[in-house]
Each structure stands twice: as C-alpha cells, then as structure tokens.
C-alpha cells in the first residue's frame, strides 16, 4: 500500500498519529511525518486514520503485487 498526504490540506489535528503511530508522527505541533509505503498488516489502522482525518488529507492506494513476486517465481 502506498500513502500520500496532502500536506497543503493537513491542519495538524494529529488524529492519524494517534490512531496509527507506526505510520504517522507529528514533528513539532504542525509538521506531519509518515511512511509512504505502509505494511499490509497495518491496513486496518491506516483505514481508521484516513477516515478520522477531519480534512481528508490522507490518500491510500492499494498496490497490486505481481503473482510471481509473491510466489518467488520468475
């Protein structure tokens, strides 16, 4: 999964950092830091964080992995 945050829209409410601290963190009072490529295991927390954003600044894109990459075949 890939994550994008519209930092022009983000107002620093920090709901995402509260709900998914493994992905989002506040740096100071207004600057948001985040991991743009979240682990699949964090999908539920990421969905909660994106939904909780008061200004809907978090965009999540599910990345399809080719079958051979998953199985190790070439």
C-alpha atoms as a PDB file:
ATOM      1  CA  UNK A   1       0.000   0.000   0.000  1.00  0.00           C
ATOM      2  CA  UNK A   2       1.130   3.496  -0.733  1.00  0.00           C
ATOM      3  CA  UNK A   3       0.131   6.536   1.254  1.00  0.00           C
ATOM      4  CA  UNK A   4       0.051  10.154   0.192  1.00  0.00           C
ATOM      5  CA  UNK A   5      -0.793  13.040   2.454  1.00  0.00           C
ATOM      6  CA  UNK A   6      -1.821  16.381   1.009  1.00  0.00           C
ATOM      7  CA  UNK A   7       0.378  18.483   3.268  1.00  0.00           C
ATOM      8  CA  UNK A   8      -1.270  21.667   1.985  1.00  0.00           C
ATOM      9  CA  UNK A   9      -4.589  20.362   3.258  1.00  0.00           C
ATOM     10  CA  UNK A  10      -3.277  18.822   6.510  1.00  0.00           C
ATOM     11  CA  UNK A  11      -4.008  21.044   9.502  1.00  0.00           C
ATOM     12  CA  UNK A  12      -2.044  19.069  12.109  1.00  0.00           C
ATOM     13  CA  UNK A  13      -5.002  17.657  14.024  1.00  0.00           C
ATOM     14  CA  UNK A  14      -2.872  14.517  14.635  1.00  0.00           C
ATOM     15  CA  UNK A  15      -5.764  12.042  14.572  1.00  0.00           C
ATOM     16  CA  UNK A  16      -3.707   9.880  12.206  1.00  0.00           C
ATOM     17  CA  UNK A  17      -0.697   9.886  14.547  1.00  0.00           C
ATOM     18  CA  UNK A  18      -2.948   8.882  17.431  1.00  0.00           C
ATOM     19  CA  UNK A  19      -4.636   6.032  15.523  1.00  0.00           C
ATOM     20  CA  UNK A  20      -1.634   4.741  13.549  1.00  0.00           C
ATOM     21  CA  UNK A  21       1.590   5.785  15.315  1.00  0.00           C
ATOM     22  CA  UNK A  22       3.577   3.182  13.353  1.00  0.00           C
ATOM     23  CA  UNK A  23       2.824   5.123  10.165  1.00  0.00           C
ATOM     24  CA  UNK A  24       2.267   8.755  11.189  1.00  0.00           C
ATOM     25  CA  UNK A  25       4.087  11.018  13.625  1.00  0.00           C
ATOM     26  CA  UNK A  26       3.920  14.696  14.426  1.00  0.00           C
ATOM     27  CA  UNK A  27       7.161  16.648  14.300  1.00  0.00           C
ATOM     28  CA  UNK A  28       6.525  19.696  16.406  1.00  0.00           C
ATOM     29  CA  UNK A  29       2.982  20.982  16.530  1.00  0.00           C
ATOM     30  CA  UNK A  30       2.201  21.177  12.818  1.00  0.00           C
ATOM     31  CA  UNK A  31       4.607  19.065  10.736  1.00  0.00           C
ATOM     32  CA  UNK A  32       3.469  15.551   9.854  1.00  0.00           C
ATOM     33  CA  UNK A  33       5.941  12.761   9.118  1.00  0.00           C
ATOM     34  CA  UNK A  34       4.736   9.474   7.618  1.00  0.00           C
ATOM     35  CA  UNK A  35       5.878   6.252   5.995  1.00  0.00           C
ATOM     36  CA  UNK A  36       4.606   6.418   2.377  1.00  0.00           C
ATOM     37  CA  UNK A  37       4.689   2.623   1.988  1.00  0.00           C
ATOM     38  CA  UNK A  38       2.787   1.020   4.829  1.00  0.00           C
ATOM     39  CA  UNK A  39       2.915  -2.678   5.563  1.00  0.00           C
ATOM     40  CA  UNK A  40      -0.158  -4.713   4.627  1.00  0.00           C
ATOM     41  CA  UNK A  41      -0.539  -5.690   8.293  1.00  0.00           C
ATOM     42  CA  UNK A  42      -1.262  -2.041   9.088  1.00  0.00           C
ATOM     43  CA  UNK A  43      -4.187  -1.780   6.652  1.00  0.00           C
ATOM     44  CA  UNK A  44      -6.902  -1.548   9.324  1.00  0.00           C
ATOM     45  CA  UNK A  45      -5.135   1.142  11.368  1.00  0.00           C
ATOM     46  CA  UNK A  46      -4.372   3.069   8.193  1.00  0.00           C
ATOM     47  CA  UNK A  47      -8.020   2.954   7.121  1.00  0.00           C
ATOM     48  CA  UNK A  48      -9.091   4.234  10.537  1.00  0.00           C
ATOM     49  CA  UNK A  49      -6.550   7.046  10.391  1.00  0.00           C
ATOM     50  CA  UNK A  50      -7.591   8.104   6.888  1.00  0.00           C
ATOM     51  CA  UNK A  51     -11.262   8.089   7.870  1.00  0.00           C
ATOM     52  CA  UNK A  52     -10.589  10.067  11.049  1.00  0.00           C
ATOM     53  CA  UNK A  53      -8.757  12.880   9.252  1.00  0.00           C
ATOM     54  CA  UNK A  54     -11.031  15.934   9.630  1.00  0.00           C
ATOM     55  CA  UNK A  55      -9.831  17.444   6.341  1.00  0.00           C
ATOM     56  CA  UNK A  56      -9.485  14.150   4.408  1.00  0.00           C
ATOM     57  CA  UNK A  57      -5.807  14.805   3.620  1.00  0.00           C
ATOM     58  CA  UNK A  58      -4.770  11.114   3.601  1.00  0.00           C
ATOM     59  CA  UNK A  59      -4.958   9.150   0.366  1.00  0.00           C
ATOM     60  CA  UNK A  60      -4.364   5.386   0.323  1.00  0.00           C
ATOM     61  CA  UNK A  61      -3.550   3.453  -2.835  1.00  0.00           C
ATOM     62  CA  UNK A  62      -3.568  -0.339  -2.761  1.00  0.00           C
ATOM     63  CA  UNK A  63      -0.623  -1.571  -4.805  1.00  0.00           C
ATOM     64  CA  UNK A  64      -1.093  -4.812  -6.680  1.00  0.00           C
ATOM     65  CA  UNK A  65       1.924  -7.088  -6.401  1.00  0.00           C
ATOM     66  CA  UNK A  66       2.563  -9.379  -9.393  1.00  0.00           C
ATOM     67  CA  UNK A  67       1.883 -13.043  -8.578  1.00  0.00           C
ATOM     68  CA  UNK A  68       5.476 -14.057  -9.388  1.00  0.00           C
ATOM     69  CA  UNK A  69       6.781 -11.566  -6.822  1.00  0.00           C
ATOM     70  CA  UNK A  70       4.635 -13.159  -4.132  1.00  0.00           C
ATOM     71  CA  UNK A  71       5.439 -16.762  -5.029  1.00  0.00           C
ATOM     72  CA  UNK A  72       9.089 -16.130  -5.835  1.00  0.00           C
ATOM     73  CA  UNK A  73       8.724 -17.469  -9.414  1.00  0.00           C
ATOM     74  CA  UNK A  74      10.424 -15.800 -12.377  1.00  0.00           C
END
